[in-house]
């Protein structure tokens, strides 16, 4: 079930949105806003993934500095942390 949400926007913004809807494949203003929100969610997800990728890259670089037995210990510790803190994944 959908809910209705009313928002107040300046006339120039409303005109810009209506122009965008008319010039695109959006059937309604609501569809436009749903798409904008989806894009925002995707952007946030990509930012989180980039951050995780950077953390993994740092971990791999640090991991490569240690002898094999220490590497294995650190890898297991990292795995344990990722299991214990699933909200970050």
Protein backbone atom coordinates (compact mmCIF):
# COMPACT_ATOMS: atom_id res chain seq x y z
CA UNK A 1 0.00 0.00 0.00
CA UNK A 2 1.32 3.42 -0.87
CA UNK A 3 1.20 6.51 1.30
CA UNK A 4 0.83 10.09 0.18
CA UNK A 5 3.51 12.60 1.09
CA UNK A 6 3.02 16.29 0.42
CA UNK A 7 6.05 18.54 0.13
CA UNK A 8 6.45 22.26 -0.41
CA UNK A 9 8.85 23.38 -3.11
CA UNK A 10 9.68 26.73 -4.66
CA UNK A 11 7.87 27.39 -7.96
CA UNK A 12 11.14 27.22 -9.94
CA UNK A 13 11.88 23.77 -8.53
CA UNK A 14 8.37 22.56 -9.36
CA UNK A 15 8.73 23.87 -12.91
CA UNK A 16 12.10 22.15 -13.26
CA UNK A 17 10.69 18.83 -12.02
CA UNK A 18 7.67 19.03 -14.33
CA UNK A 19 9.95 19.86 -17.26
CA UNK A 20 12.15 16.86 -16.42
CA UNK A 21 9.12 14.56 -16.19
CA UNK A 22 7.75 15.81 -19.52
CA UNK A 23 11.10 15.44 -21.28
CA UNK A 24 11.85 11.96 -19.95
CA UNK A 25 10.31 8.53 -19.66
CA UNK A 26 8.74 9.30 -16.27
CA UNK A 27 4.98 8.89 -16.32
CA UNK A 28 4.43 10.91 -13.15
CA UNK A 29 6.18 13.22 -10.73
CA UNK A 30 5.97 10.41 -8.16
CA UNK A 31 7.89 8.11 -10.50
CA UNK A 32 10.54 10.82 -10.86
CA UNK A 33 10.97 11.10 -7.09
CA UNK A 34 11.07 7.31 -6.65
CA UNK A 35 13.86 7.19 -9.23
CA UNK A 36 15.73 10.02 -7.49
CA UNK A 37 15.49 8.12 -4.19
CA UNK A 38 16.66 4.86 -5.83
CA UNK A 39 19.66 6.69 -7.28
CA UNK A 40 20.45 8.15 -3.86
CA UNK A 41 20.25 4.69 -2.28
CA UNK A 42 22.53 3.28 -4.98
CA UNK A 43 25.01 6.11 -4.41
CA UNK A 44 25.04 5.43 -0.67
CA UNK A 45 25.55 1.72 -1.29
CA UNK A 46 28.41 2.43 -3.68
CA UNK A 47 30.04 4.75 -1.14
CA UNK A 48 29.83 2.02 1.51
CA UNK A 49 31.28 -0.52 -0.92
CA UNK A 50 34.14 1.82 -1.85
CA UNK A 51 34.90 2.33 1.83
CA UNK A 52 34.88 -1.41 2.45
CA UNK A 53 37.04 -1.96 -0.62
CA UNK A 54 39.58 0.56 0.71
CA UNK A 55 39.57 -1.19 4.10
CA UNK A 56 40.07 -4.57 2.44
CA UNK A 57 42.89 -3.18 0.31
CA UNK A 58 44.61 -1.82 3.42
CA UNK A 59 44.14 -5.15 5.15
CA UNK A 60 45.61 -7.05 2.20
CA UNK A 61 48.63 -4.75 2.10
CA UNK A 62 49.17 -5.19 5.84
CA UNK A 63 48.56 -8.93 5.54
CA UNK A 64 51.33 -9.26 2.94
CA UNK A 65 53.91 -7.81 5.36
CA UNK A 66 53.73 -10.69 7.86
CA UNK A 67 55.18 -14.21 7.77
CA UNK A 68 52.81 -17.04 6.83
CA UNK A 69 51.81 -18.10 10.35
CA UNK A 70 51.09 -14.54 11.46
CA UNK A 71 49.20 -13.97 8.23
CA UNK A 72 46.97 -16.93 8.95
CA UNK A 73 46.34 -15.72 12.50
CA UNK A 74 45.45 -12.25 11.31
CA UNK A 75 43.21 -13.59 8.56
CA UNK A 76 41.32 -15.69 11.07
CA UNK A 77 41.00 -12.73 13.44
CA UNK A 78 39.67 -10.54 10.63
CA UNK A 79 37.19 -13.24 9.65
CA UNK A 80 36.01 -13.53 13.26
CA UNK A 81 35.51 -9.77 13.49
CA UNK A 82 33.50 -9.71 10.26
CA UNK A 83 31.25 -12.47 11.59
CA UNK A 84 30.76 -10.73 14.93
CA UNK A 85 29.97 -7.36 13.32
CA UNK A 86 27.65 -8.21 10.42
CA UNK A 87 25.96 -4.79 10.36
CA UNK A 88 29.06 -3.40 8.64
CA UNK A 89 28.78 -5.87 5.78
